[in-house]
């Protein structure tokens, strides 16, 4: 095991379930994006607030704002692990899709993760 898995769970061997670095980074990206600021007691500034915008009018301005919000949040909280290469956001009815292209620090490979949340 190199990293803890998220959400925290017990593995088949009775110990902490682990995750490889790629899975760990993807889990951290989801954690940052879908945690609302103020949701964490000891880190009230942690999160992006993306879920709060699900029921806002779907407009090009919203998509642009979401892209900046996502990119800024990822750079702020995960800058020691990843370099964000690109972000694409799509909001359709009550479904939010976020596509993040990133490169892990110390790696030359660009990876893509797509996260989908329904309200």
N, C-alpha and C. Protein backbone atom coordinates (compact mmCIF):
# COMPACT_ATOMS: atom_id res chain seq x y z
N UNK A 1 0.85 -1.18 0.00
CA UNK A 1 0.00 0.00 0.00
C UNK A 1 0.89 1.23 0.00
N UNK A 2 0.63 2.14 -0.93
CA UNK A 2 1.41 3.36 -0.97
C UNK A 2 0.63 4.54 -0.40
N UNK A 3 -0.68 4.54 -0.55
CA UNK A 3 -1.54 5.62 -0.09
C UNK A 3 -2.81 5.02 0.50
N UNK A 4 -3.48 5.78 1.35
CA UNK A 4 -4.80 5.36 1.83
C UNK A 4 -5.81 5.49 0.72
N UNK A 5 -6.75 4.57 0.64
CA UNK A 5 -7.85 4.69 -0.30
C UNK A 5 -8.89 5.65 0.26
N UNK A 6 -9.65 6.25 -0.62
CA UNK A 6 -10.73 7.14 -0.19
C UNK A 6 -11.99 6.69 -0.88
N UNK A 7 -13.10 6.58 -0.23
CA UNK A 7 -13.25 6.80 1.20
C UNK A 7 -12.54 5.71 2.00
N UNK A 8 -12.21 6.04 3.24
CA UNK A 8 -11.48 5.11 4.10
C UNK A 8 -12.32 3.85 4.27
N UNK A 9 -11.66 2.70 4.12
CA UNK A 9 -12.35 1.43 4.28
C UNK A 9 -11.35 0.35 4.70
N UNK A 10 -11.90 -0.74 5.20
CA UNK A 10 -11.09 -1.87 5.63
C UNK A 10 -10.96 -2.83 4.44
N UNK A 11 -9.74 -3.30 4.20
CA UNK A 11 -9.48 -4.22 3.10
C UNK A 11 -9.78 -5.66 3.48
N UNK A 12 -9.64 -6.57 2.52
CA UNK A 12 -9.93 -7.98 2.77
C UNK A 12 -9.02 -8.62 3.83
N UNK A 13 -7.84 -8.03 4.02
CA UNK A 13 -6.91 -8.58 5.01
C UNK A 13 -7.15 -8.01 6.41
N UNK A 14 -8.17 -7.16 6.56
CA UNK A 14 -8.48 -6.58 7.86
C UNK A 14 -7.75 -5.28 8.15
N UNK A 15 -6.86 -4.87 7.24
CA UNK A 15 -6.12 -3.62 7.40
C UNK A 15 -6.74 -2.51 6.57
N UNK A 16 -6.08 -1.39 6.57
CA UNK A 16 -6.54 -0.24 5.81
C UNK A 16 -6.43 -0.52 4.31
N UNK A 17 -7.50 -0.24 3.58
CA UNK A 17 -7.50 -0.40 2.12
C UNK A 17 -6.60 0.66 1.52
N UNK A 18 -5.75 0.25 0.63
CA UNK A 18 -4.81 1.18 0.00
C UNK A 18 -5.20 1.53 -1.43
N UNK A 19 -4.42 2.39 -2.02
CA UNK A 19 -4.63 2.80 -3.41
C UNK A 19 -3.27 3.13 -4.01
N UNK A 20 -3.09 2.82 -5.29
CA UNK A 20 -1.85 3.21 -5.94
C UNK A 20 -1.88 4.73 -6.15
N UNK A 21 -0.77 5.29 -6.57
CA UNK A 21 -0.66 6.76 -6.67
C UNK A 21 -1.70 7.34 -7.63
N UNK A 22 -1.92 6.71 -8.78
CA UNK A 22 -2.88 7.25 -9.74
C UNK A 22 -4.30 7.26 -9.17
N UNK A 23 -4.70 6.17 -8.54
CA UNK A 23 -6.03 6.11 -7.94
C UNK A 23 -6.14 7.11 -6.79
N UNK A 24 -5.07 7.24 -6.02
CA UNK A 24 -5.06 8.20 -4.91
C UNK A 24 -5.25 9.63 -5.41
N UNK A 25 -4.56 9.99 -6.48
CA UNK A 25 -4.69 11.34 -7.04
C UNK A 25 -6.10 11.57 -7.55
N UNK A 26 -6.68 10.59 -8.24
CA UNK A 26 -8.05 10.73 -8.74
C UNK A 26 -9.02 10.90 -7.59
N UNK A 27 -8.82 10.18 -6.51
CA UNK A 27 -9.69 10.30 -5.34
C UNK A 27 -9.53 11.67 -4.69
N UNK A 28 -8.31 12.18 -4.64
CA UNK A 28 -8.08 13.51 -4.08
C UNK A 28 -8.73 14.60 -4.94
N UNK A 29 -8.68 14.45 -6.26
CA UNK A 29 -9.32 15.42 -7.15
C UNK A 29 -10.82 15.45 -6.87
N UNK A 30 -11.45 14.28 -6.77
CA UNK A 30 -12.88 14.21 -6.47
C UNK A 30 -13.17 14.83 -5.11
N UNK A 31 -12.31 14.58 -4.14
CA UNK A 31 -12.50 15.12 -2.80
C UNK A 31 -12.46 16.65 -2.81
N UNK A 32 -11.49 17.22 -3.51
CA UNK A 32 -11.39 18.68 -3.58
C UNK A 32 -12.60 19.27 -4.29
N UNK A 33 -12.99 18.68 -5.42
CA UNK A 33 -14.05 19.26 -6.22
C UNK A 33 -15.43 19.18 -5.57
N UNK A 34 -15.71 18.10 -4.90
CA UNK A 34 -17.06 17.90 -4.40
C UNK A 34 -17.21 18.11 -2.90
N UNK A 35 -16.22 18.75 -2.29
CA UNK A 35 -16.33 19.19 -0.90
C UNK A 35 -16.68 20.67 -0.91
N UNK A 36 -17.68 21.03 -0.16
CA UNK A 36 -18.09 22.44 -0.08
C UNK A 36 -17.24 23.16 0.96
N UNK A 37 -16.84 24.41 0.67
CA UNK A 37 -16.12 25.18 1.69
C UNK A 37 -16.97 25.27 2.96
N UNK A 38 -16.33 25.06 4.10
CA UNK A 38 -17.03 25.07 5.37
C UNK A 38 -17.47 23.69 5.81
N UNK A 39 -17.37 22.70 4.93
CA UNK A 39 -17.80 21.33 5.26
C UNK A 39 -16.82 20.63 6.20
N UNK A 40 -15.55 20.99 6.12
CA UNK A 40 -14.53 20.40 6.99
C UNK A 40 -14.31 21.28 8.20
N UNK A 41 -14.42 20.70 9.38
CA UNK A 41 -14.34 21.47 10.62
C UNK A 41 -12.97 22.12 10.78
N UNK A 42 -11.91 21.37 10.59
CA UNK A 42 -10.57 21.90 10.83
C UNK A 42 -9.96 22.59 9.62
N UNK A 43 -10.62 22.52 8.48
CA UNK A 43 -10.14 23.21 7.28
C UNK A 43 -11.33 23.85 6.57
N UNK A 44 -11.87 24.92 7.12
CA UNK A 44 -13.10 25.51 6.57
C UNK A 44 -12.92 26.08 5.16
N UNK A 45 -11.68 26.34 4.74
CA UNK A 45 -11.44 26.88 3.40
C UNK A 45 -11.27 25.78 2.36
N UNK A 46 -11.21 24.51 2.79
CA UNK A 46 -10.97 23.40 1.87
C UNK A 46 -12.20 23.14 1.01
N UNK A 47 -11.98 22.84 -0.27
CA UNK A 47 -13.05 22.50 -1.19
C UNK A 47 -13.19 23.52 -2.29
N UNK A 48 -14.15 23.25 -3.18
CA UNK A 48 -14.32 24.16 -4.31
C UNK A 48 -15.71 24.78 -4.40
N UNK A 49 -16.71 24.14 -3.86
CA UNK A 49 -18.06 24.69 -3.95
C UNK A 49 -18.73 24.43 -5.29
N UNK A 50 -18.21 23.50 -6.07
CA UNK A 50 -18.75 23.22 -7.39
C UNK A 50 -20.19 22.71 -7.30
N UNK A 51 -20.49 21.87 -6.32
CA UNK A 51 -21.84 21.30 -6.20
C UNK A 51 -22.90 22.37 -6.00
N UNK A 52 -22.55 23.48 -5.41
CA UNK A 52 -23.51 24.55 -5.16
C UNK A 52 -24.01 25.17 -6.45
N UNK A 53 -23.26 25.01 -7.51
CA UNK A 53 -23.64 25.63 -8.78
C UNK A 53 -24.44 24.71 -9.69
N UNK A 54 -24.80 23.52 -9.21
CA UNK A 54 -25.55 22.57 -10.04
C UNK A 54 -26.90 23.11 -10.47
N UNK A 55 -27.57 23.85 -9.61
CA UNK A 55 -28.92 24.30 -9.92
C UNK A 55 -28.97 25.75 -10.42
N UNK A 56 -27.81 26.29 -10.75
CA UNK A 56 -27.74 27.62 -11.32
C UNK A 56 -28.08 27.52 -12.80
N UNK A 57 -28.56 28.61 -13.37
CA UNK A 57 -28.90 28.63 -14.79
C UNK A 57 -27.70 28.16 -15.62
N UNK A 58 -27.96 27.24 -16.54
CA UNK A 58 -26.91 26.69 -17.38
C UNK A 58 -26.61 27.68 -18.51
N UNK A 59 -25.48 28.34 -18.43
CA UNK A 59 -25.10 29.36 -19.41
C UNK A 59 -23.61 29.26 -19.68
N UNK A 60 -23.14 29.81 -20.81
CA UNK A 60 -21.70 29.78 -21.10
C UNK A 60 -20.86 30.44 -20.01
N UNK A 61 -21.41 31.47 -19.40
CA UNK A 61 -20.68 32.15 -18.33
C UNK A 61 -20.47 31.23 -17.13
N UNK A 62 -21.48 30.39 -16.84
CA UNK A 62 -21.36 29.45 -15.74
C UNK A 62 -20.27 28.42 -16.03
N UNK A 63 -20.23 27.91 -17.24
CA UNK A 63 -19.20 26.93 -17.61
C UNK A 63 -17.81 27.53 -17.46
N UNK A 64 -17.64 28.76 -17.89
CA UNK A 64 -16.34 29.43 -17.76
C UNK A 64 -15.98 29.64 -16.30
N UNK A 65 -16.95 30.08 -15.50
CA UNK A 65 -16.70 30.28 -14.07
C UNK A 65 -16.34 28.96 -13.39
N UNK A 66 -17.03 27.89 -13.75
CA UNK A 66 -16.73 26.58 -13.18
C UNK A 66 -15.34 26.11 -13.56
N UNK A 67 -14.93 26.33 -14.79
CA UNK A 67 -13.60 25.93 -15.21
C UNK A 67 -12.54 26.64 -14.38
N UNK A 68 -12.71 27.93 -14.17
CA UNK A 68 -11.74 28.68 -13.36
C UNK A 68 -11.78 28.24 -11.90
N UNK A 69 -12.98 27.99 -11.38
CA UNK A 69 -13.13 27.53 -10.01
C UNK A 69 -12.44 26.18 -9.80
N UNK A 70 -12.67 25.25 -10.71
CA UNK A 70 -12.07 23.92 -10.62
C UNK A 70 -10.55 24.01 -10.71
N UNK A 71 -10.06 24.72 -11.71
CA UNK A 71 -8.61 24.82 -11.90
C UNK A 71 -7.94 25.50 -10.70
N UNK A 72 -8.53 26.56 -10.22
CA UNK A 72 -7.97 27.26 -9.06
C UNK A 72 -7.96 26.40 -7.81
N UNK A 73 -9.04 25.67 -7.57
CA UNK A 73 -9.11 24.81 -6.38
C UNK A 73 -8.08 23.68 -6.45
N UNK A 74 -7.95 23.07 -7.62
CA UNK A 74 -6.97 21.99 -7.76
C UNK A 74 -5.55 22.50 -7.59
N UNK A 75 -5.27 23.66 -8.16
CA UNK A 75 -3.92 24.22 -8.02
C UNK A 75 -3.64 24.60 -6.58
N UNK A 76 -4.64 25.09 -5.89
CA UNK A 76 -4.44 25.51 -4.51
C UNK A 76 -4.18 24.34 -3.57
N UNK A 77 -4.98 23.27 -3.70
CA UNK A 77 -4.91 22.18 -2.73
C UNK A 77 -4.06 20.99 -3.17
N UNK A 78 -3.79 20.84 -4.46
CA UNK A 78 -3.03 19.68 -4.93
C UNK A 78 -1.77 20.04 -5.70
N UNK A 79 -1.30 21.26 -5.56
CA UNK A 79 -0.13 21.72 -6.32
C UNK A 79 1.12 20.90 -6.02
N UNK A 80 1.20 20.31 -4.85
CA UNK A 80 2.37 19.49 -4.51
C UNK A 80 2.32 18.11 -5.14
N UNK A 81 1.17 17.71 -5.70
CA UNK A 81 1.01 16.40 -6.33
C UNK A 81 0.83 16.43 -7.84
N UNK A 82 0.12 17.46 -8.34
CA UNK A 82 -0.21 17.49 -9.77
C UNK A 82 -0.02 18.88 -10.37
N UNK A 83 0.12 18.88 -11.69
CA UNK A 83 0.08 20.11 -12.47
C UNK A 83 -1.13 19.99 -13.39
N UNK A 84 -2.08 20.90 -13.24
CA UNK A 84 -3.31 20.85 -14.02
C UNK A 84 -3.01 21.32 -15.44
N UNK A 85 -3.36 20.49 -16.42
CA UNK A 85 -3.13 20.79 -17.83
C UNK A 85 -4.38 21.34 -18.53
N UNK A 86 -5.54 20.96 -18.04
CA UNK A 86 -6.77 21.43 -18.66
C UNK A 86 -7.98 20.99 -17.87
N UNK A 87 -9.06 21.77 -18.00
CA UNK A 87 -10.30 21.47 -17.31
C UNK A 87 -11.45 21.74 -18.27
N UNK A 88 -12.40 20.81 -18.34
CA UNK A 88 -13.63 21.00 -19.11
C UNK A 88 -14.79 20.65 -18.20
N UNK A 89 -15.81 21.52 -18.17
CA UNK A 89 -16.95 21.34 -17.30
C UNK A 89 -18.22 21.34 -18.13
N UNK A 90 -19.13 20.41 -17.84
CA UNK A 90 -20.43 20.37 -18.50
C UNK A 90 -21.50 20.18 -17.44
N UNK A 91 -22.51 21.05 -17.45
CA UNK A 91 -23.63 20.94 -16.53
C UNK A 91 -24.91 20.76 -17.35
N UNK A 92 -25.54 19.60 -17.18
CA UNK A 92 -26.78 19.31 -17.88
C UNK A 92 -27.82 18.89 -16.87
N UNK A 93 -28.88 19.67 -16.75
CA UNK A 93 -29.93 19.47 -15.77
C UNK A 93 -29.32 19.34 -14.39
N UNK A 94 -29.44 18.17 -13.72
CA UNK A 94 -28.88 18.05 -12.37
C UNK A 94 -27.61 17.20 -12.35
N UNK A 95 -26.94 17.09 -13.51
CA UNK A 95 -25.71 16.31 -13.60
C UNK A 95 -24.55 17.23 -13.95
N UNK A 96 -23.48 17.09 -13.20
CA UNK A 96 -22.27 17.87 -13.42
C UNK A 96 -21.14 16.92 -13.83
N UNK A 97 -20.51 17.19 -14.96
CA UNK A 97 -19.37 16.40 -15.43
C UNK A 97 -18.15 17.30 -15.47
N UNK A 98 -17.07 16.82 -14.89
CA UNK A 98 -15.81 17.57 -14.87
C UNK A 98 -14.72 16.68 -15.44
N UNK A 99 -14.05 17.15 -16.47
CA UNK A 99 -12.94 16.43 -17.10
C UNK A 99 -11.66 17.19 -16.78
N UNK A 100 -10.74 16.53 -16.09
CA UNK A 100 -9.49 17.17 -15.67
C UNK A 100 -8.32 16.44 -16.31
N UNK A 101 -7.47 17.20 -17.00
CA UNK A 101 -6.22 16.65 -17.51
C UNK A 101 -5.12 17.15 -16.58
N UNK A 102 -4.29 16.22 -16.13
CA UNK A 102 -3.25 16.59 -15.18
C UNK A 102 -2.01 15.75 -15.43
N UNK A 103 -0.91 16.25 -14.88
CA UNK A 103 0.35 15.52 -14.91
C UNK A 103 0.85 15.44 -13.48
N UNK A 104 1.10 14.23 -13.02
CA UNK A 104 1.62 14.05 -11.65
C UNK A 104 3.03 14.62 -11.59
N UNK A 105 3.35 15.27 -10.49
CA UNK A 105 4.68 15.82 -10.29
C UNK A 105 5.68 14.66 -10.34
N UNK A 106 6.73 14.82 -11.12
CA UNK A 106 7.74 13.79 -11.27
C UNK A 106 7.42 12.78 -12.35
N UNK A 107 6.32 12.96 -13.05
CA UNK A 107 5.92 12.06 -14.12
C UNK A 107 5.89 12.83 -15.43
N UNK A 108 6.09 12.14 -16.53
CA UNK A 108 6.02 12.80 -17.84
C UNK A 108 4.71 12.45 -18.55
N UNK A 109 3.87 11.67 -17.91
CA UNK A 109 2.63 11.21 -18.53
C UNK A 109 1.45 12.08 -18.11
N UNK A 110 0.67 12.54 -19.09
CA UNK A 110 -0.54 13.30 -18.81
C UNK A 110 -1.70 12.33 -18.68
N UNK A 111 -2.46 12.50 -17.64
CA UNK A 111 -3.62 11.62 -17.38
C UNK A 111 -4.90 12.44 -17.41
N UNK A 112 -6.00 11.75 -17.61
CA UNK A 112 -7.31 12.40 -17.64
C UNK A 112 -8.24 11.67 -16.69
N UNK A 113 -9.00 12.42 -15.94
CA UNK A 113 -10.01 11.84 -15.04
C UNK A 113 -11.32 12.56 -15.31
N UNK A 114 -12.40 11.78 -15.42
CA UNK A 114 -13.73 12.36 -15.61
C UNK A 114 -14.55 12.03 -14.37
N UNK A 115 -15.07 13.06 -13.75
CA UNK A 115 -15.89 12.93 -12.54
C UNK A 115 -17.30 13.38 -12.85
N UNK A 116 -18.26 12.60 -12.45
CA UNK A 116 -19.67 12.91 -12.71
C UNK A 116 -20.41 12.86 -11.39
N UNK A 117 -21.20 13.88 -11.12
CA UNK A 117 -22.02 13.91 -9.90
C UNK A 117 -23.43 14.34 -10.29
N UNK A 118 -24.39 13.67 -9.66
CA UNK A 118 -25.79 14.07 -9.82
C UNK A 118 -26.26 14.65 -8.51
N UNK A 119 -27.12 15.62 -8.60
CA UNK A 119 -27.61 16.29 -7.39
C UNK A 119 -28.59 15.41 -6.66
